[in-house]
């Protein structure tokens, strides 16, 4: 029987050390980690690797359920896949396991709470952005497309496909840059 730990944070500037240490202290012989959003299981290569290696009697261990996922459906699908492999899930905070029926109920409830918490975070973020826009503080993220370069190239007769290939961007991005309003000195679309 193997105990495999899984640690996850949402962004590159967050630290995995505390989770990794907790998982090792809990008896995990292998700890896989990644820095990726928990809103979906898509694109979480380390989690997929762990799931492929779990066998009958093995245990997947996470510090908190929201480290496994923020979607109730994803968490329940992972628990179901573990069941099919004969493996179980162990959560350290609060200490629960899917080894029994009560643990499955608690996992379901905690999965719903994690999903609701994600919605609250997004709602607060949206409210903050709206308030900043109303106050004239929020300008949005800086443009990543080289608008001036795209427009200059198009004005000289260069084809859309050639512009996209040269700049390493999608053709739709070139079309969008050409359709957008001219940029002001700060690099933002002119509102006039």
C-alpha atoms as a PDB file:
ATOM      1  CA  UNK A   1       0.000   0.000   0.000  1.00  0.00           C
ATOM      2  CA  UNK A   2       1.390   3.376  -1.040  1.00  0.00           C
ATOM      3  CA  UNK A   3       0.455   6.790   0.306  1.00  0.00           C
ATOM      4  CA  UNK A   4       0.865   9.368  -2.437  1.00  0.00           C
ATOM      5  CA  UNK A   5       0.550  13.068  -1.643  1.00  0.00           C
ATOM      6  CA  UNK A   6      -0.743  15.751  -3.950  1.00  0.00           C
ATOM      7  CA  UNK A   7      -0.023  19.452  -3.341  1.00  0.00           C
ATOM      8  CA  UNK A   8      -1.402  22.316  -5.419  1.00  0.00           C
ATOM      9  CA  UNK A   9      -1.405  26.106  -5.412  1.00  0.00           C
ATOM     10  CA  UNK A  10      -3.169  28.318  -7.928  1.00  0.00           C
ATOM     11  CA  UNK A  11      -0.392  30.611  -9.097  1.00  0.00           C
ATOM     12  CA  UNK A  12       3.331  30.600  -9.726  1.00  0.00           C
ATOM     13  CA  UNK A  13       4.153  33.044  -6.937  1.00  0.00           C
ATOM     14  CA  UNK A  14       2.609  30.834  -4.229  1.00  0.00           C
ATOM     15  CA  UNK A  15       4.697  28.374  -2.220  1.00  0.00           C
ATOM     16  CA  UNK A  16       4.110  24.612  -2.006  1.00  0.00           C
ATOM     17  CA  UNK A  17       6.586  23.935   0.827  1.00  0.00           C
ATOM     18  CA  UNK A  18       4.120  23.796   3.735  1.00  0.00           C
ATOM     19  CA  UNK A  19       1.820  21.372   1.906  1.00  0.00           C
ATOM     20  CA  UNK A  20       4.741  19.191   0.848  1.00  0.00           C
ATOM     21  CA  UNK A  21       6.101  19.040   4.405  1.00  0.00           C
ATOM     22  CA  UNK A  22       2.668  18.196   5.854  1.00  0.00           C
ATOM     23  CA  UNK A  23       2.158  15.410   3.314  1.00  0.00           C
ATOM     24  CA  UNK A  24       5.592  13.939   3.993  1.00  0.00           C
ATOM     25  CA  UNK A  25       4.949  14.085   7.754  1.00  0.00           C
ATOM     26  CA  UNK A  26       1.627  12.286   7.171  1.00  0.00           C
ATOM     27  CA  UNK A  27       3.517   9.337   5.699  1.00  0.00           C
ATOM     28  CA  UNK A  28       3.397  10.051   1.968  1.00  0.00           C
ATOM     29  CA  UNK A  29       6.277   8.280   0.254  1.00  0.00           C
ATOM     30  CA  UNK A  30       5.718  10.258  -2.956  1.00  0.00           C
ATOM     31  CA  UNK A  31       4.511  13.866  -3.153  1.00  0.00           C
ATOM     32  CA  UNK A  32       3.552  15.351  -6.515  1.00  0.00           C
ATOM     33  CA  UNK A  33       3.013  19.126  -6.778  1.00  0.00           C
ATOM     34  CA  UNK A  34       1.818  21.661  -9.296  1.00  0.00           C
ATOM     35  CA  UNK A  35       0.993  25.332  -9.647  1.00  0.00           C
ATOM     36  CA  UNK A  36      -2.300  25.479 -11.512  1.00  0.00           C
ATOM     37  CA  UNK A  37      -5.901  26.541 -10.880  1.00  0.00           C
ATOM     38  CA  UNK A  38      -8.155  24.055  -9.108  1.00  0.00           C
ATOM     39  CA  UNK A  39     -11.297  25.140 -10.921  1.00  0.00           C
ATOM     40  CA  UNK A  40     -11.001  22.143 -13.265  1.00  0.00           C
ATOM     41  CA  UNK A  41      -9.040  18.906 -13.519  1.00  0.00           C
ATOM     42  CA  UNK A  42      -8.107  19.807 -17.089  1.00  0.00           C
ATOM     43  CA  UNK A  43      -4.459  20.770 -17.483  1.00  0.00           C
ATOM     44  CA  UNK A  44      -3.445  19.308 -14.122  1.00  0.00           C
ATOM     45  CA  UNK A  45      -0.767  16.923 -15.338  1.00  0.00           C
ATOM     46  CA  UNK A  46       0.637  15.993 -11.933  1.00  0.00           C
ATOM     47  CA  UNK A  47      -2.819  14.996 -10.654  1.00  0.00           C
ATOM     48  CA  UNK A  48      -3.352  12.874 -13.767  1.00  0.00           C
ATOM     49  CA  UNK A  49       0.031  11.215 -13.201  1.00  0.00           C
ATOM     50  CA  UNK A  50      -0.871  10.393  -9.594  1.00  0.00           C
ATOM     51  CA  UNK A  51      -4.231   8.980 -10.642  1.00  0.00           C
ATOM     52  CA  UNK A  52      -2.586   6.708 -13.223  1.00  0.00           C
ATOM     53  CA  UNK A  53      -0.251   5.170 -10.644  1.00  0.00           C
ATOM     54  CA  UNK A  54      -2.721   4.532  -7.821  1.00  0.00           C
ATOM     55  CA  UNK A  55      -3.475   0.836  -7.283  1.00  0.00           C
ATOM     56  CA  UNK A  56      -5.685  -1.285  -5.056  1.00  0.00           C
ATOM     57  CA  UNK A  57      -5.089  -0.363  -1.412  1.00  0.00           C
ATOM     58  CA  UNK A  58      -3.234   2.888  -2.198  1.00  0.00           C
ATOM     59  CA  UNK A  59      -4.167   6.218  -0.684  1.00  0.00           C
ATOM     60  CA  UNK A  60      -4.194   9.683  -2.264  1.00  0.00           C
ATOM     61  CA  UNK A  61      -3.524  12.300   0.403  1.00  0.00           C
ATOM     62  CA  UNK A  62      -4.139  16.078   0.278  1.00  0.00           C
ATOM     63  CA  UNK A  63      -3.786  18.715   2.993  1.00  0.00           C
ATOM     64  CA  UNK A  64      -7.230  20.238   2.300  1.00  0.00           C
ATOM     65  CA  UNK A  65      -9.970  19.201  -0.087  1.00  0.00           C
ATOM     66  CA  UNK A  66      -9.780  22.473  -2.032  1.00  0.00           C
ATOM     67  CA  UNK A  67      -6.205  21.501  -3.004  1.00  0.00           C
ATOM     68  CA  UNK A  68      -7.738  18.548  -4.878  1.00  0.00           C
ATOM     69  CA  UNK A  69     -10.370  20.680  -6.594  1.00  0.00           C
ATOM     70  CA  UNK A  70     -12.806  23.554  -6.355  1.00  0.00           C
ATOM     71  CA  UNK A  71     -15.544  21.822  -8.342  1.00  0.00           C
ATOM     72  CA  UNK A  72     -17.826  19.405  -6.480  1.00  0.00           C
ATOM     73  CA  UNK A  73     -18.262  17.389  -9.652  1.00  0.00           C
ATOM     74  CA  UNK A  74     -14.488  17.085 -10.194  1.00  0.00           C
ATOM     75  CA  UNK A  75     -13.880  16.046  -6.581  1.00  0.00           C
ATOM     76  CA  UNK A  76     -16.650  13.441  -6.708  1.00  0.00           C
ATOM     77  CA  UNK A  77     -15.344  12.140 -10.049  1.00  0.00           C
ATOM     78  CA  UNK A  78     -11.870  11.772  -8.538  1.00  0.00           C
ATOM     79  CA  UNK A  79     -13.317   9.921  -5.522  1.00  0.00           C
ATOM     80  CA  UNK A  80     -15.273   7.669  -7.897  1.00  0.00           C
ATOM     81  CA  UNK A  81     -12.136   6.934  -9.937  1.00  0.00           C
ATOM     82  CA  UNK A  82     -10.237   6.144  -6.733  1.00  0.00           C
ATOM     83  CA  UNK A  83     -13.025   3.749  -5.702  1.00  0.00           C
ATOM     84  CA  UNK A  84     -12.824   1.984  -9.061  1.00  0.00           C
ATOM     85  CA  UNK A  85      -9.081   1.484  -8.553  1.00  0.00           C
ATOM     86  CA  UNK A  86      -9.583   0.234  -4.997  1.00  0.00           C
ATOM     87  CA  UNK A  87      -7.800   3.308  -3.640  1.00  0.00           C
ATOM     88  CA  UNK A  88      -9.006   5.915  -1.159  1.00  0.00           C
ATOM     89  CA  UNK A  89      -8.716   9.635  -0.480  1.00  0.00           C
ATOM     90  CA  UNK A  90      -7.376  11.051   2.765  1.00  0.00           C
ATOM     91  CA  UNK A  91      -7.726  14.719   3.670  1.00  0.00           C
ATOM     92  CA  UNK A  92      -5.592  16.062   6.536  1.00  0.00           C
ATOM     93  CA  UNK A  93      -7.686  19.179   7.368  1.00  0.00           C
ATOM     94  CA  UNK A  94     -10.153  18.090   8.658  1.00  0.00           C
ATOM     95  CA  UNK A  95      -8.950  14.500   9.027  1.00  0.00           C
ATOM     96  CA  UNK A  96     -11.285  12.419   6.857  1.00  0.00           C
ATOM     97  CA  UNK A  97     -11.002   9.473   4.522  1.00  0.00           C
ATOM     98  CA  UNK A  98     -13.207   7.895   1.887  1.00  0.00           C
ATOM     99  CA  UNK A  99     -12.441   4.522   3.412  1.00  0.00           C
ATOM    100  CA  UNK A 100     -15.931   4.597   4.999  1.00  0.00           C
ATOM    101  CA  UNK A 101     -19.414   5.859   4.149  1.00  0.00           C
ATOM    102  CA  UNK A 102     -19.299   8.840   6.529  1.00  0.00           C
ATOM    103  CA  UNK A 103     -16.109  10.079   4.873  1.00  0.00           C
ATOM    104  CA  UNK A 104     -17.813  10.094   1.469  1.00  0.00           C
ATOM    105  CA  UNK A 105     -20.658  12.238   2.802  1.00  0.00           C
ATOM    106  CA  UNK A 106     -18.216  14.696   4.388  1.00  0.00           C
ATOM    107  CA  UNK A 107     -16.166  14.840   1.169  1.00  0.00           C
ATOM    108  CA  UNK A 108     -19.321  15.680  -0.805  1.00  0.00           C
ATOM    109  CA  UNK A 109     -20.260  18.486   1.584  1.00  0.00           C
ATOM    110  CA  UNK A 110     -16.714  19.887   1.682  1.00  0.00           C
ATOM    111  CA  UNK A 111     -16.547  19.745  -2.118  1.00  0.00           C
ATOM    112  CA  UNK A 112     -19.710  21.829  -2.302  1.00  0.00           C
ATOM    113  CA  UNK A 113     -18.251  24.316   0.202  1.00  0.00           C
ATOM    114  CA  UNK A 114     -15.025  24.612  -1.838  1.00  0.00           C
ATOM    115  CA  UNK A 115     -17.026  25.289  -4.996  1.00  0.00           C
ATOM    116  CA  UNK A 116     -19.164  27.893  -3.217  1.00  0.00           C
ATOM    117  CA  UNK A 117     -16.012  29.530  -1.795  1.00  0.00           C
ATOM    118  CA  UNK A 118     -14.590  29.840  -5.316  1.00  0.00           C
ATOM    119  CA  UNK A 119     -17.807  31.552  -6.434  1.00  0.00           C
ATOM    120  CA  UNK A 120     -17.570  33.984  -3.498  1.00  0.00           C
ATOM    121  CA  UNK A 121     -13.953  34.793  -4.404  1.00  0.00           C
ATOM    122  CA  UNK A 122     -14.940  35.542  -8.003  1.00  0.00           C
ATOM    123  CA  UNK A 123     -17.907  37.656  -6.840  1.00  0.00           C
ATOM    124  CA  UNK A 124     -15.664  39.720  -4.535  1.00  0.00           C
ATOM    125  CA  UNK A 125     -13.107  40.121  -7.298  1.00  0.00           C
ATOM    126  CA  UNK A 126     -15.791  41.309  -9.750  1.00  0.00           C
ATOM    127  CA  UNK A 127     -17.181  43.764  -7.150  1.00  0.00           C
ATOM    128  CA  UNK A 128     -13.678  45.170  -6.560  1.00  0.00           C
ATOM    129  CA  UNK A 129     -13.050  45.601 -10.281  1.00  0.00           C
ATOM    130  CA  UNK A 130     -16.449  47.289 -10.769  1.00  0.00           C
ATOM    131  CA  UNK A 131     -15.771  49.683  -7.861  1.00  0.00           C
ATOM    132  CA  UNK A 132     -12.300  50.508  -9.221  1.00  0.00           C
ATOM    133  CA  UNK A 133     -13.747  51.148 -12.694  1.00  0.00           C
ATOM    134  CA  UNK A 134     -16.425  53.431 -11.223  1.00  0.00           C
ATOM    135  CA  UNK A 135     -13.712  55.372  -9.383  1.00  0.00           C
ATOM    136  CA  UNK A 136     -11.649  55.624 -12.567  1.00  0.00           C
ATOM    137  CA  UNK A 137      -8.769  53.655 -11.032  1.00  0.00           C
ATOM    138  CA  UNK A 138      -9.043  50.366 -12.937  1.00  0.00           C
ATOM    139  CA  UNK A 139      -7.682  50.459 -16.446  1.00  0.00           C
ATOM    140  CA  UNK A 140      -7.545  46.727 -17.058  1.00  0.00           C
ATOM    141  CA  UNK A 141      -4.516  44.733 -17.939  1.00  0.00           C
ATOM    142  CA  UNK A 142      -1.996  46.213 -20.308  1.00  0.00           C
ATOM    143  CA  UNK A 143      -2.409  45.120 -23.922  1.00  0.00           C
ATOM    144  CA  UNK A 144      -0.266  42.153 -24.874  1.00  0.00           C
ATOM    145  CA  UNK A 145      -0.643  42.560 -28.621  1.00  0.00           C
ATOM    146  CA  UNK A 146       1.746  44.846 -30.509  1.00  0.00           C
ATOM    147  CA  UNK A 147      -1.113  46.935 -31.945  1.00  0.00           C
ATOM    148  CA  UNK A 148       1.112  49.527 -33.622  1.00  0.00           C
ATOM    149  CA  UNK A 149       3.299  46.885 -35.232  1.00  0.00           C
ATOM    150  CA  UNK A 150       0.258  44.984 -36.518  1.00  0.00           C
ATOM    151  CA  UNK A 151      -1.303  48.133 -37.972  1.00  0.00           C
ATOM    152  CA  UNK A 152       1.989  49.258 -39.531  1.00  0.00           C
ATOM    153  CA  UNK A 153       2.521  45.848 -41.150  1.00  0.00           C
ATOM    154  CA  UNK A 154      -1.038  45.786 -42.503  1.00  0.00           C
ATOM    155  CA  UNK A 155      -0.682  49.354 -43.843  1.00  0.00           C
ATOM    156  CA  UNK A 156       2.370  48.244 -45.858  1.00  0.00           C
ATOM    157  CA  UNK A 157       0.269  45.499 -47.470  1.00  0.00           C
ATOM    158  CA  UNK A 158       1.471  42.505 -45.472  1.00  0.00           C
ATOM    159  CA  UNK A 159      -1.080  39.656 -45.405  1.00  0.00           C
ATOM    160  CA  UNK A 160      -2.907  38.759 -42.175  1.00  0.00           C
ATOM    161  CA  UNK A 161      -1.449  35.230 -42.170  1.00  0.00           C
ATOM    162  CA  UNK A 162       2.074  36.565 -42.620  1.00  0.00           C
ATOM    163  CA  UNK A 163       1.629  39.088 -39.798  1.00  0.00           C
ATOM    164  CA  UNK A 164       0.353  36.374 -37.478  1.00  0.00           C
ATOM    165  CA  UNK A 165       3.180  33.991 -38.367  1.00  0.00           C
ATOM    166  CA  UNK A 166       5.883  36.651 -37.980  1.00  0.00           C
ATOM    167  CA  UNK A 167       4.584  37.846 -34.593  1.00  0.00           C
ATOM    168  CA  UNK A 168       3.755  34.339 -33.344  1.00  0.00           C
ATOM    169  CA  UNK A 169       0.084  35.110 -32.702  1.00  0.00           C
ATOM    170  CA  UNK A 170      -3.221  33.774 -33.992  1.00  0.00           C
ATOM    171  CA  UNK A 171      -4.818  35.307 -37.088  1.00  0.00           C
ATOM    172  CA  UNK A 172      -7.904  36.193 -35.028  1.00  0.00           C
ATOM    173  CA  UNK A 173      -5.652  38.329 -32.805  1.00  0.00           C
ATOM    174  CA  UNK A 174      -4.493  40.260 -35.851  1.00  0.00           C
ATOM    175  CA  UNK A 175      -8.109  40.805 -36.932  1.00  0.00           C
ATOM    176  CA  UNK A 176      -9.020  41.977 -33.432  1.00  0.00           C
ATOM    177  CA  UNK A 177      -6.084  44.377 -33.291  1.00  0.00           C
ATOM    178  CA  UNK A 178      -7.092  45.862 -36.626  1.00  0.00           C
ATOM    179  CA  UNK A 179     -10.750  46.160 -35.585  1.00  0.00           C
ATOM    180  CA  UNK A 180     -10.001  47.788 -32.207  1.00  0.00           C
ATOM    181  CA  UNK A 181     -10.057  51.539 -31.766  1.00  0.00           C
ATOM    182  CA  UNK A 182      -6.712  53.352 -31.957  1.00  0.00           C
ATOM    183  CA  UNK A 183      -4.591  53.232 -28.803  1.00  0.00           C
ATOM    184  CA  UNK A 184      -3.846  56.282 -26.667  1.00  0.00           C
ATOM    185  CA  UNK A 185      -0.381  57.139 -25.327  1.00  0.00           C
ATOM    186  CA  UNK A 186      -0.875  54.723 -22.401  1.00  0.00           C
ATOM    187  CA  UNK A 187      -1.510  51.810 -24.757  1.00  0.00           C
ATOM    188  CA  UNK A 188      -5.266  51.684 -24.101  1.00  0.00           C
ATOM    189  CA  UNK A 189      -8.120  51.889 -26.598  1.00  0.00           C
ATOM    190  CA  UNK A 190      -9.145  55.475 -27.226  1.00  0.00           C
ATOM    191  CA  UNK A 191     -12.623  56.081 -25.812  1.00  0.00           C
ATOM    192  CA  UNK A 192     -13.486  58.927 -28.190  1.00  0.00           C
END
